[in-house]
Amino acid sequence: MLIRHLSFFIALAREQHFARAAEACNVTQPTLTAAIQKLEEDLGVRLVIRDHRFVRLTEEGEKLLVWGRQILVDYGSLKDDLAGLRRGLVGTLHLGVIPAAMSVVSFLTARFAAAHPAAQVEIRSMTSRAIERALEAFEIDAGVTYLENEPLQHVRKVPLYRERYVLVVGRGHPANLSETITWKEAAEQRLCLLSEDMQNRRIINNVAASIGVLIKPDVVSNSYLAVLSHVRHGEWASIVPHTFARLFFGGADFRQVDIVEPEHTQSVGLVLSDREPLSPMSGALLSSVANVDFERDLEAAGVR
């Protein structure tokens, strides 16, 4: 069985179309078809159900898809590891990050980049559930997400910091706010929040529900830029992670107020596949954050 043939099969499973898979692999359709047939001969099983076109994978094909993805990742990791012995780590670190952690992800990537200047970093904004799926499919090397509320399964976890929540309002907001505000009082504001497909919003809902309060925002979005745009407009308030203070709340346009009764914190951390050995990228990222005090780094940057 050739690695090249296996990559053709993975492309076919992804595209579910012989011509598109051949184009993606930069080969002719007969070449791709012959490679799939050779895989079936080598393994002694039928992998694809087809008449004049792709229909679906067989049960054996679905099993090969899982193993095939892992084999291709391991093969790529082997090549990267061997190349790294000669010239240092190269390639791209693929990192999935929940929107709530985007404000501080540079603390993580800066350490990685300093240790591996020849490597590149690709950051994707993803929900916690998408991060879990992407790790299982070997589409990302690591993720930054919540560790406690809806814990991911079969991953290695590295706590980074504890997130707490603040109410933020624009300069023109009519409310007369004190130094702190209760969750009940926060829920009574005209709110713009993340949508419920985001775990951050589900956490906020659960905290409020724990004291019998229902969160009913006037505006929802899956983007923090949209949320903060509404806050800046002056009519809306929002409940956001305290780490956003570093990016948005340093000037006179915004004011943030700690939310109390109850005081709630949530662990945010790095998640990686629990398989051994880790890919070179995953291992390098893990090493770059070893013995790092993220809470201290955040405080030094003015996040309190």
C-alpha atoms as a PDB file:
ATOM      1  CA  MET A   1       0.000   0.000   0.000  1.00  0.00           C
ATOM      2  CA  LEU A   2       1.447   3.350  -1.083  1.00  0.00           C
ATOM      3  CA  ILE A   3       1.059   6.534   0.943  1.00  0.00           C
ATOM      4  CA  ARG A   4       0.100   8.279  -2.303  1.00  0.00           C
ATOM      5  CA  HIS A   5      -2.764   5.844  -2.878  1.00  0.00           C
ATOM      6  CA  LEU A   6      -3.969   6.400   0.661  1.00  0.00           C
ATOM      7  CA  SER A   7      -3.977  10.169   0.136  1.00  0.00           C
ATOM      8  CA  PHE A   8      -6.103   9.668  -3.000  1.00  0.00           C
ATOM      9  CA  PHE A   9      -8.603   7.656  -0.969  1.00  0.00           C
ATOM     10  CA  ILE A  10      -8.803  10.367   1.714  1.00  0.00           C
ATOM     11  CA  ALA A  11      -9.431  12.965  -0.994  1.00  0.00           C
ATOM     12  CA  LEU A  12     -12.202  10.821  -2.493  1.00  0.00           C
ATOM     13  CA  ALA A  13     -13.863  10.411   0.892  1.00  0.00           C
ATOM     14  CA  ARG A  14     -13.717  14.189   1.367  1.00  0.00           C
ATOM     15  CA  GLU A  15     -14.929  15.197  -2.101  1.00  0.00           C
ATOM     16  CA  GLN A  16     -17.338  12.248  -2.608  1.00  0.00           C
ATOM     17  CA  HIS A  17     -16.763  12.668  -6.340  1.00  0.00           C
ATOM     18  CA  PHE A  18     -14.088  10.967  -8.461  1.00  0.00           C
ATOM     19  CA  ALA A  19     -13.421  13.892 -10.805  1.00  0.00           C
ATOM     20  CA  ARG A  20     -13.200  16.471  -8.010  1.00  0.00           C
ATOM     21  CA  ALA A  21     -10.937  14.188  -5.960  1.00  0.00           C
ATOM     22  CA  ALA A  22      -8.654  13.674  -8.961  1.00  0.00           C
ATOM     23  CA  GLU A  23      -8.478  17.428  -9.518  1.00  0.00           C
ATOM     24  CA  ALA A  24      -7.675  18.006  -5.837  1.00  0.00           C
ATOM     25  CA  CYS A  25      -4.847  15.462  -6.078  1.00  0.00           C
ATOM     26  CA  ASN A  26      -3.614  16.885  -9.392  1.00  0.00           C
ATOM     27  CA  VAL A  27      -3.949  13.554 -11.209  1.00  0.00           C
ATOM     28  CA  THR A  28      -6.247  12.197 -13.900  1.00  0.00           C
ATOM     29  CA  GLN A  29      -9.461  10.446 -12.923  1.00  0.00           C
ATOM     30  CA  PRO A  30      -8.274   7.066 -14.312  1.00  0.00           C
ATOM     31  CA  THR A  31      -5.106   7.364 -12.183  1.00  0.00           C
ATOM     32  CA  LEU A  32      -7.133   8.000  -9.040  1.00  0.00           C
ATOM     33  CA  THR A  33      -9.581   5.195  -9.835  1.00  0.00           C
ATOM     34  CA  ALA A  34      -6.724   2.760 -10.395  1.00  0.00           C
ATOM     35  CA  ALA A  35      -5.166   3.760  -7.067  1.00  0.00           C
ATOM     36  CA  ILE A  36      -8.429   3.070  -5.221  1.00  0.00           C
ATOM     37  CA  GLN A  37      -8.712  -0.310  -6.909  1.00  0.00           C
ATOM     38  CA  LYS A  38      -5.110  -1.118  -5.941  1.00  0.00           C
ATOM     39  CA  LEU A  39      -5.905  -0.248  -2.313  1.00  0.00           C
ATOM     40  CA  GLU A  40      -8.873  -2.597  -2.405  1.00  0.00           C
ATOM     41  CA  GLU A  41      -6.682  -5.375  -3.826  1.00  0.00           C
ATOM     42  CA  ASP A  42      -3.947  -4.832  -1.246  1.00  0.00           C
ATOM     43  CA  LEU A  43      -6.397  -4.855   1.672  1.00  0.00           C
ATOM     44  CA  GLY A  44      -8.676  -7.539   0.265  1.00  0.00           C
ATOM     45  CA  VAL A  45     -11.865  -5.554   0.905  1.00  0.00           C
ATOM     46  CA  ARG A  46     -14.228  -3.312  -1.013  1.00  0.00           C
ATOM     47  CA  LEU A  47     -13.800   0.296   0.066  1.00  0.00           C
ATOM     48  CA  VAL A  48     -16.164   2.281  -2.152  1.00  0.00           C
ATOM     49  CA  ILE A  49     -19.671   1.572  -3.388  1.00  0.00           C
ATOM     50  CA  ARG A  50     -20.018   3.008  -6.886  1.00  0.00           C
ATOM     51  CA  ASP A  51     -21.928   2.500 -10.132  1.00  0.00           C
ATOM     52  CA  HIS A  52     -20.991   5.165 -12.654  1.00  0.00           C
ATOM     53  CA  ARG A  53     -20.136   7.553  -9.825  1.00  0.00           C
ATOM     54  CA  PHE A  54     -19.226   7.643  -6.140  1.00  0.00           C
ATOM     55  CA  VAL A  55     -22.115   6.460  -3.912  1.00  0.00           C
ATOM     56  CA  ARG A  56     -20.601   5.997  -0.453  1.00  0.00           C
ATOM     57  CA  LEU A  57     -17.842   4.293   1.505  1.00  0.00           C
ATOM     58  CA  THR A  58     -18.354   0.745   2.679  1.00  0.00           C
ATOM     59  CA  GLU A  59     -18.045  -0.110   6.358  1.00  0.00           C
ATOM     60  CA  GLU A  60     -14.460  -1.154   5.645  1.00  0.00           C
ATOM     61  CA  GLY A  61     -13.909   2.128   3.792  1.00  0.00           C
ATOM     62  CA  GLU A  62     -15.111   4.119   6.794  1.00  0.00           C
ATOM     63  CA  LYS A  63     -12.687   2.170   8.990  1.00  0.00           C
ATOM     64  CA  LEU A  64      -9.821   2.836   6.567  1.00  0.00           C
ATOM     65  CA  LEU A  65     -10.702   6.530   6.548  1.00  0.00           C
ATOM     66  CA  VAL A  66     -10.071   6.738  10.310  1.00  0.00           C
ATOM     67  CA  TRP A  67      -6.805   4.814  10.097  1.00  0.00           C
ATOM     68  CA  GLY A  68      -5.781   6.536   6.878  1.00  0.00           C
ATOM     69  CA  ARG A  69      -6.013  10.005   8.343  1.00  0.00           C
ATOM     70  CA  GLN A  70      -3.873   8.917  11.281  1.00  0.00           C
ATOM     71  CA  ILE A  71      -1.331   7.231   9.007  1.00  0.00           C
ATOM     72  CA  LEU A  72      -0.991  10.330   6.813  1.00  0.00           C
ATOM     73  CA  VAL A  73      -0.579  12.576   9.852  1.00  0.00           C
ATOM     74  CA  ASP A  74       2.054  10.238  11.292  1.00  0.00           C
ATOM     75  CA  TYR A  75       3.858  10.101   7.950  1.00  0.00           C
ATOM     76  CA  GLY A  76       3.898  13.890   7.714  1.00  0.00           C
ATOM     77  CA  SER A  77       5.045  14.130  11.324  1.00  0.00           C
ATOM     78  CA  LEU A  78       7.858  11.682  10.632  1.00  0.00           C
ATOM     79  CA  LYS A  79       9.094  13.769   7.708  1.00  0.00           C
ATOM     80  CA  ASP A  80       8.814  16.982   9.743  1.00  0.00           C
ATOM     81  CA  ASP A  81      10.651  15.397  12.665  1.00  0.00           C
ATOM     82  CA  LEU A  82      13.499  14.195  10.481  1.00  0.00           C
ATOM     83  CA  ALA A  83      13.716  17.542   8.699  1.00  0.00           C
ATOM     84  CA  GLY A  84      13.699  19.315  12.054  1.00  0.00           C
ATOM     85  CA  LEU A  85      16.857  17.483  13.070  1.00  0.00           C
ATOM     86  CA  ARG A  86      18.638  19.195  10.203  1.00  0.00           C
ATOM     87  CA  ARG A  87      17.214  22.709  10.077  1.00  0.00           C
ATOM     88  CA  GLY A  88      14.836  23.205  13.017  1.00  0.00           C
ATOM     89  CA  LEU A  89      11.069  22.988  13.088  1.00  0.00           C
ATOM     90  CA  VAL A  90       9.403  24.125   9.862  1.00  0.00           C
ATOM     91  CA  GLY A  91       5.849  23.955   8.574  1.00  0.00           C
ATOM     92  CA  THR A  92       2.615  25.324  10.023  1.00  0.00           C
ATOM     93  CA  LEU A  93       1.117  25.019  13.490  1.00  0.00           C
ATOM     94  CA  HIS A  94      -2.662  24.708  13.051  1.00  0.00           C
ATOM     95  CA  LEU A  95      -4.424  26.076  16.118  1.00  0.00           C
ATOM     96  CA  GLY A  96      -8.169  26.157  16.815  1.00  0.00           C
ATOM     97  CA  VAL A  97      -9.252  28.824  19.316  1.00  0.00           C
ATOM     98  CA  ILE A  98     -12.631  29.646  20.830  1.00  0.00           C
ATOM     99  CA  PRO A  99     -13.672  33.289  20.273  1.00  0.00           C
ATOM    100  CA  ALA A 100     -13.473  34.015  24.008  1.00  0.00           C
ATOM    101  CA  ALA A 101      -9.735  33.210  24.024  1.00  0.00           C
ATOM    102  CA  MET A 102      -8.798  35.115  20.850  1.00  0.00           C
ATOM    103  CA  SER A 103      -7.847  38.183  22.868  1.00  0.00           C
ATOM    104  CA  VAL A 104      -4.962  36.358  24.561  1.00  0.00           C
ATOM    105  CA  VAL A 105      -3.896  33.732  22.011  1.00  0.00           C
ATOM    106  CA  SER A 106      -0.847  35.830  21.098  1.00  0.00           C
ATOM    107  CA  PHE A 107       0.618  35.069  24.545  1.00  0.00           C
ATOM    108  CA  LEU A 108       0.706  31.431  23.423  1.00  0.00           C
ATOM    109  CA  THR A 109       1.881  31.869  19.846  1.00  0.00           C
ATOM    110  CA  ALA A 110       4.560  34.425  20.752  1.00  0.00           C
ATOM    111  CA  ARG A 111       6.365  31.851  22.894  1.00  0.00           C
ATOM    112  CA  PHE A 112       6.038  29.205  20.192  1.00  0.00           C
ATOM    113  CA  ALA A 113       7.316  31.577  17.487  1.00  0.00           C
ATOM    114  CA  ALA A 114      10.271  32.668  19.613  1.00  0.00           C
ATOM    115  CA  ALA A 115      11.340  29.051  20.047  1.00  0.00           C
ATOM    116  CA  HIS A 116      10.671  28.079  16.400  1.00  0.00           C
ATOM    117  CA  PRO A 117      11.195  31.121  14.155  1.00  0.00           C
ATOM    118  CA  ALA A 118      11.079  29.089  10.922  1.00  0.00           C
ATOM    119  CA  ALA A 119       7.590  27.757  11.647  1.00  0.00           C
ATOM    120  CA  GLN A 120       4.333  29.480  10.738  1.00  0.00           C
ATOM    121  CA  VAL A 121       1.077  29.669  12.689  1.00  0.00           C
ATOM    122  CA  GLU A 122      -2.483  29.386  11.374  1.00  0.00           C
ATOM    123  CA  ILE A 123      -5.229  30.310  13.859  1.00  0.00           C
ATOM    124  CA  ARG A 124      -8.863  29.413  13.249  1.00  0.00           C
ATOM    125  CA  SER A 125     -11.788  30.738  15.261  1.00  0.00           C
ATOM    126  CA  MET A 126     -13.773  27.630  16.221  1.00  0.00           C
ATOM    127  CA  THR A 127     -16.418  26.555  18.689  1.00  0.00           C
ATOM    128  CA  SER A 128     -15.339  24.131  21.410  1.00  0.00           C
ATOM    129  CA  ARG A 129     -17.247  21.330  19.681  1.00  0.00           C
ATOM    130  CA  ALA A 130     -15.557  22.085  16.352  1.00  0.00           C
ATOM    131  CA  ILE A 131     -12.164  21.963  18.086  1.00  0.00           C
ATOM    132  CA  GLU A 132     -12.966  18.490  19.417  1.00  0.00           C
ATOM    133  CA  ARG A 133     -13.990  17.267  15.950  1.00  0.00           C
ATOM    134  CA  ALA A 134     -10.939  18.843  14.302  1.00  0.00           C
ATOM    135  CA  LEU A 135      -8.553  17.187  16.777  1.00  0.00           C
ATOM    136  CA  GLU A 136     -10.159  13.805  16.117  1.00  0.00           C
ATOM    137  CA  ALA A 137      -9.843  14.334  12.340  1.00  0.00           C
ATOM    138  CA  PHE A 138      -6.212  15.562  12.638  1.00  0.00           C
ATOM    139  CA  GLU A 139      -7.190  18.899  11.075  1.00  0.00           C
ATOM    140  CA  ILE A 140      -5.532  20.955  13.826  1.00  0.00           C
ATOM    141  CA  ASP A 141      -2.502  20.383  16.043  1.00  0.00           C
ATOM    142  CA  ALA A 142      -4.030  21.848  19.186  1.00  0.00           C
ATOM    143  CA  GLY A 143      -6.886  23.927  20.507  1.00  0.00           C
ATOM    144  CA  VAL A 144      -7.520  26.583  23.127  1.00  0.00           C
ATOM    145  CA  THR A 145     -10.892  26.097  24.791  1.00  0.00           C
ATOM    146  CA  TYR A 146     -12.785  25.693  28.047  1.00  0.00           C
ATOM    147  CA  LEU A 147     -11.664  22.750  30.175  1.00  0.00           C
ATOM    148  CA  GLU A 148     -14.445  22.350  32.738  1.00  0.00           C
ATOM    149  CA  ASN A 149     -17.924  23.299  31.541  1.00  0.00           C
ATOM    150  CA  GLU A 150     -18.253  20.863  28.610  1.00  0.00           C
ATOM    151  CA  PRO A 151     -14.969  18.938  28.834  1.00  0.00           C
ATOM    152  CA  LEU A 152     -13.501  17.419  25.687  1.00  0.00           C
ATOM    153  CA  GLN A 153     -12.878  13.689  25.647  1.00  0.00           C
ATOM    154  CA  HIS A 154      -9.645  11.856  24.784  1.00  0.00           C
ATOM    155  CA  VAL A 155      -7.432  14.939  24.904  1.00  0.00           C
ATOM    156  CA  ARG A 156      -4.424  16.105  26.874  1.00  0.00           C
ATOM    157  CA  LYS A 157      -5.279  19.267  28.842  1.00  0.00           C
ATOM    158  CA  VAL A 158      -2.979  22.076  29.954  1.00  0.00           C
ATOM    159  CA  PRO A 159      -4.692  24.797  32.044  1.00  0.00           C
ATOM    160  CA  LEU A 160      -3.582  28.316  31.068  1.00  0.00           C
ATOM    161  CA  TYR A 161      -5.717  30.805  33.012  1.00  0.00           C
ATOM    162  CA  ARG A 162      -9.085  31.312  34.676  1.00  0.00           C
ATOM    163  CA  GLU A 163     -11.619  33.455  32.863  1.00  0.00           C
ATOM    164  CA  ARG A 164     -14.084  35.638  34.732  1.00  0.00           C
ATOM    165  CA  TYR A 165     -16.817  37.893  33.414  1.00  0.00           C
ATOM    166  CA  VAL A 166     -17.382  41.620  33.321  1.00  0.00           C
ATOM    167  CA  LEU A 167     -20.194  43.841  32.122  1.00  0.00           C
ATOM    168  CA  VAL A 168     -18.936  46.292  29.537  1.00  0.00           C
ATOM    169  CA  VAL A 169     -20.770  49.416  28.396  1.00  0.00           C
ATOM    170  CA  GLY A 170     -19.987  52.201  25.976  1.00  0.00           C
ATOM    171  CA  ARG A 171     -19.376  55.824  26.905  1.00  0.00           C
ATOM    172  CA  GLY A 172     -22.940  56.802  26.031  1.00  0.00           C
ATOM    173  CA  HIS A 173     -24.651  54.051  28.016  1.00  0.00           C
ATOM    174  CA  PRO A 174     -27.411  55.485  30.246  1.00  0.00           C
ATOM    175  CA  ALA A 175     -26.894  53.181  33.233  1.00  0.00           C
ATOM    176  CA  ASN A 176     -25.326  54.634  36.376  1.00  0.00           C
ATOM    177  CA  LEU A 177     -23.022  51.762  37.287  1.00  0.00           C
ATOM    178  CA  SER A 178     -21.077  51.206  40.502  1.00  0.00           C
ATOM    179  CA  GLU A 179     -17.751  49.361  40.789  1.00  0.00           C
ATOM    180  CA  THR A 180     -19.538  45.992  40.731  1.00  0.00           C
ATOM    181  CA  ILE A 181     -22.858  44.692  39.453  1.00  0.00           C
ATOM    182  CA  THR A 182     -24.792  41.529  40.315  1.00  0.00           C
ATOM    183  CA  TRP A 183     -25.740  38.948  37.710  1.00  0.00           C
ATOM    184  CA  LYS A 184     -29.384  39.838  38.291  1.00  0.00           C
ATOM    185  CA  GLU A 185     -28.671  43.501  37.585  1.00  0.00           C
ATOM    186  CA  ALA A 186     -26.545  42.619  34.564  1.00  0.00           C
ATOM    187  CA  ALA A 187     -29.383  40.529  33.103  1.00  0.00           C
ATOM    188  CA  GLU A 188     -31.690  43.553  33.313  1.00  0.00           C
ATOM    189  CA  GLN A 189     -29.484  45.579  30.948  1.00  0.00           C
ATOM    190  CA  ARG A 190     -30.148  45.837  27.218  1.00  0.00           C
ATOM    191  CA  LEU A 191     -27.682  43.117  26.213  1.00  0.00           C
ATOM    192  CA  CYS A 192     -25.800  42.082  23.098  1.00  0.00           C
ATOM    193  CA  LEU A 193     -24.230  38.635  23.572  1.00  0.00           C
ATOM    194  CA  LEU A 194     -22.703  35.744  21.687  1.00  0.00           C
ATOM    195  CA  SER A 195     -25.173  33.259  20.192  1.00  0.00           C
ATOM    196  CA  GLU A 196     -25.934  29.993  21.984  1.00  0.00           C
ATOM    197  CA  ASP A 197     -23.799  27.854  19.660  1.00  0.00           C
ATOM    198  CA  MET A 198     -20.850  29.385  21.555  1.00  0.00           C
ATOM    199  CA  GLN A 199     -19.910  27.721  24.851  1.00  0.00           C
ATOM    200  CA  ASN A 200     -19.158  31.124  26.392  1.00  0.00           C
ATOM    201  CA  ARG A 201     -22.836  32.034  26.018  1.00  0.00           C
ATOM    202  CA  ARG A 202     -23.959  28.700  27.444  1.00  0.00           C
ATOM    203  CA  ILE A 203     -21.734  29.306  30.487  1.00  0.00           C
ATOM    204  CA  ILE A 204     -23.277  32.758  30.980  1.00  0.00           C
ATOM    205  CA  ASN A 205     -26.761  31.241  30.719  1.00  0.00           C
ATOM    206  CA  ASN A 206     -25.888  28.570  33.301  1.00  0.00           C
ATOM    207  CA  VAL A 207     -24.411  31.040  35.792  1.00  0.00           C
ATOM    208  CA  ALA A 208     -27.513  33.202  35.582  1.00  0.00           C
ATOM    209  CA  ALA A 209     -29.826  30.186  35.811  1.00  0.00           C
ATOM    210  CA  SER A 210     -28.054  29.052  38.991  1.00  0.00           C
ATOM    211  CA  ILE A 211     -29.597  32.048  40.786  1.00  0.00           C
ATOM    212  CA  GLY A 212     -32.924  31.861  38.955  1.00  0.00           C
ATOM    213  CA  VAL A 213     -32.178  34.566  36.373  1.00  0.00           C
ATOM    214  CA  LEU A 214     -33.002  34.269  32.662  1.00  0.00           C
ATOM    215  CA  ILE A 215     -30.650  35.947  30.181  1.00  0.00           C
ATOM    216  CA  LYS A 216     -32.612  37.455  27.269  1.00  0.00           C
ATOM    217  CA  PRO A 217     -30.332  39.536  25.001  1.00  0.00           C
ATOM    218  CA  ASP A 218     -31.774  41.924  22.412  1.00  0.00           C
ATOM    219  CA  VAL A 219     -28.972  41.185  19.940  1.00  0.00           C
ATOM    220  CA  VAL A 220     -26.906  38.020  19.429  1.00  0.00           C
ATOM    221  CA  SER A 221     -23.957  37.262  17.148  1.00  0.00           C
ATOM    222  CA  ASN A 222     -21.280  34.607  16.727  1.00  0.00           C
ATOM    223  CA  SER A 223     -18.671  37.385  16.448  1.00  0.00           C
ATOM    224  CA  TYR A 224     -17.221  39.442  19.280  1.00  0.00           C
ATOM    225  CA  LEU A 225     -16.559  42.269  16.811  1.00  0.00           C
ATOM    226  CA  ALA A 226     -20.308  42.580  16.259  1.00  0.00           C
ATOM    227  CA  VAL A 227     -20.912  42.443  20.006  1.00  0.00           C
ATOM    228  CA  LEU A 228     -18.401  45.177  20.777  1.00  0.00           C
ATOM    229  CA  SER A 229     -19.651  47.265  17.846  1.00  0.00           C
ATOM    230  CA  HIS A 230     -23.062  47.377  19.529  1.00  0.00           C
ATOM    231  CA  VAL A 231     -21.490  48.195  22.885  1.00  0.00           C
ATOM    232  CA  ARG A 232     -19.510  51.038  21.380  1.00  0.00           C
ATOM    233  CA  HIS A 233     -22.706  52.387  19.813  1.00  0.00           C
ATOM    234  CA  GLY A 234     -23.764  53.206  23.365  1.00  0.00           C
ATOM    235  CA  GLU A 235     -27.212  51.656  23.737  1.00  0.00           C
ATOM    236  CA  TRP A 236     -26.215  48.091  24.555  1.00  0.00           C
ATOM    237  CA  ALA A 237     -24.160  46.380  27.233  1.00  0.00           C
ATOM    238  CA  SER A 238     -22.460  43.000  27.059  1.00  0.00           C
ATOM    239  CA  ILE A 239     -21.046  40.296  29.312  1.00  0.00           C
ATOM    240  CA  VAL A 240     -17.551  39.394  28.123  1.00  0.00           C
ATOM    241  CA  PRO A 241     -14.386  37.692  29.411  1.00  0.00           C
ATOM    242  CA  HIS A 242     -12.180  39.960  31.524  1.00  0.00           C
ATOM    243  CA  THR A 243      -9.278  39.259  29.134  1.00  0.00           C
ATOM    244  CA  PHE A 244     -10.883  41.515  26.522  1.00  0.00           C
ATOM    245  CA  ALA A 245      -9.859  44.486  28.650  1.00  0.00           C
ATOM    246  CA  ARG A 246      -6.396  44.335  27.102  1.00  0.00           C
ATOM    247  CA  LEU A 247      -7.730  44.968  23.586  1.00  0.00           C
ATOM    248  CA  PHE A 248     -10.786  47.134  23.977  1.00  0.00           C
ATOM    249  CA  PHE A 249     -11.230  48.725  27.363  1.00  0.00           C
ATOM    250  CA  GLY A 250      -8.102  50.766  27.921  1.00  0.00           C
ATOM    251  CA  GLY A 251      -9.494  54.101  26.751  1.00  0.00           C
ATOM    252  CA  ALA A 252     -12.479  56.273  27.529  1.00  0.00           C
ATOM    253  CA  ASP A 253     -14.846  54.633  25.018  1.00  0.00           C
ATOM    254  CA  PHE A 254     -15.638  51.648  27.240  1.00  0.00           C
ATOM    255  CA  ARG A 255     -16.199  50.937  30.888  1.00  0.00           C
ATOM    256  CA  GLN A 256     -16.036  47.503  32.480  1.00  0.00           C
ATOM    257  CA  VAL A 257     -17.658  46.436  35.741  1.00  0.00           C
ATOM    258  CA  ASP A 258     -16.987  43.214  37.633  1.00  0.00           C
ATOM    259  CA  ILE A 259     -20.024  40.935  37.906  1.00  0.00           C
ATOM    260  CA  VAL A 260     -20.630  39.449  41.356  1.00  0.00           C
ATOM    261  CA  GLU A 261     -23.247  37.428  43.237  1.00  0.00           C
ATOM    262  CA  PRO A 262     -22.127  34.896  42.259  1.00  0.00           C
ATOM    263  CA  GLU A 263     -18.470  35.374  41.359  1.00  0.00           C
ATOM    264  CA  HIS A 264     -17.715  32.813  38.678  1.00  0.00           C
ATOM    265  CA  THR A 265     -14.483  31.735  36.988  1.00  0.00           C
ATOM    266  CA  GLN A 266     -13.866  29.212  34.244  1.00  0.00           C
ATOM    267  CA  SER A 267     -10.658  27.399  33.281  1.00  0.00           C
ATOM    268  CA  VAL A 268      -9.318  27.991  29.759  1.00  0.00           C
ATOM    269  CA  GLY A 269      -6.497  25.852  28.482  1.00  0.00           C
ATOM    270  CA  LEU A 270      -4.634  24.099  25.738  1.00  0.00           C
ATOM    271  CA  VAL A 271      -5.945  20.772  24.428  1.00  0.00           C
ATOM    272  CA  LEU A 272      -3.976  18.318  22.317  1.00  0.00           C
ATOM    273  CA  SER A 273      -4.494  14.782  21.095  1.00  0.00           C
ATOM    274  CA  ASP A 274      -3.789  12.219  23.821  1.00  0.00           C
ATOM    275  CA  ARG A 275      -1.942   9.915  21.425  1.00  0.00           C
ATOM    276  CA  GLU A 276       1.777   9.217  21.566  1.00  0.00           C
ATOM    277  CA  PRO A 277       4.014  10.398  20.140  1.00  0.00           C
ATOM    278  CA  LEU A 278       2.675  13.896  19.662  1.00  0.00           C
ATOM    279  CA  SER A 279       3.226  15.456  16.257  1.00  0.00           C
ATOM    280  CA  PRO A 280       6.314  17.699  16.114  1.00  0.00           C
ATOM    281  CA  MET A 281       4.107  20.799  16.020  1.00  0.00           C
ATOM    282  CA  SER A 282       1.981  19.686  18.971  1.00  0.00           C
ATOM    283  CA  GLY A 283       5.036  18.660  20.969  1.00  0.00           C
ATOM    284  CA  ALA A 284       6.800  21.938  20.233  1.00  0.00           C
ATOM    285  CA  LEU A 285       3.763  23.954  21.299  1.00  0.00           C
ATOM    286  CA  LEU A 286       3.462  21.953  24.503  1.00  0.00           C
ATOM    287  CA  SER A 287       7.140  22.498  25.296  1.00  0.00           C
ATOM    288  CA  SER A 288       6.854  26.243  24.644  1.00  0.00           C
ATOM    289  CA  VAL A 289       4.239  26.661  27.394  1.00  0.00           C
ATOM    290  CA  ALA A 290       5.865  24.381  29.954  1.00  0.00           C
ATOM    291  CA  ASN A 291       6.272  26.144  33.307  1.00  0.00           C
ATOM    292  CA  VAL A 292       4.685  29.347  31.958  1.00  0.00           C
ATOM    293  CA  ASP A 293       2.577  31.383  34.382  1.00  0.00           C
ATOM    294  CA  PHE A 294      -0.114  32.787  32.089  1.00  0.00           C
ATOM    295  CA  GLU A 295      -1.937  34.509  34.915  1.00  0.00           C
ATOM    296  CA  ARG A 296       1.223  36.473  35.704  1.00  0.00           C
ATOM    297  CA  ASP A 297       1.742  37.328  32.033  1.00  0.00           C
ATOM    298  CA  LEU A 298      -1.824  38.608  31.744  1.00  0.00           C
ATOM    299  CA  GLU A 299      -1.462  40.751  34.846  1.00  0.00           C
ATOM    300  CA  ALA A 300       1.783  42.197  33.492  1.00  0.00           C
ATOM    301  CA  ALA A 301      -0.114  43.158  30.333  1.00  0.00           C
ATOM    302  CA  GLY A 302      -2.743  45.001  32.359  1.00  0.00           C
ATOM    303  CA  VAL A 303      -5.414  42.276  32.441  1.00  0.00           C
ATOM    304  CA  ARG A 304      -6.745  41.998  35.988  1.00  0.00           C
END
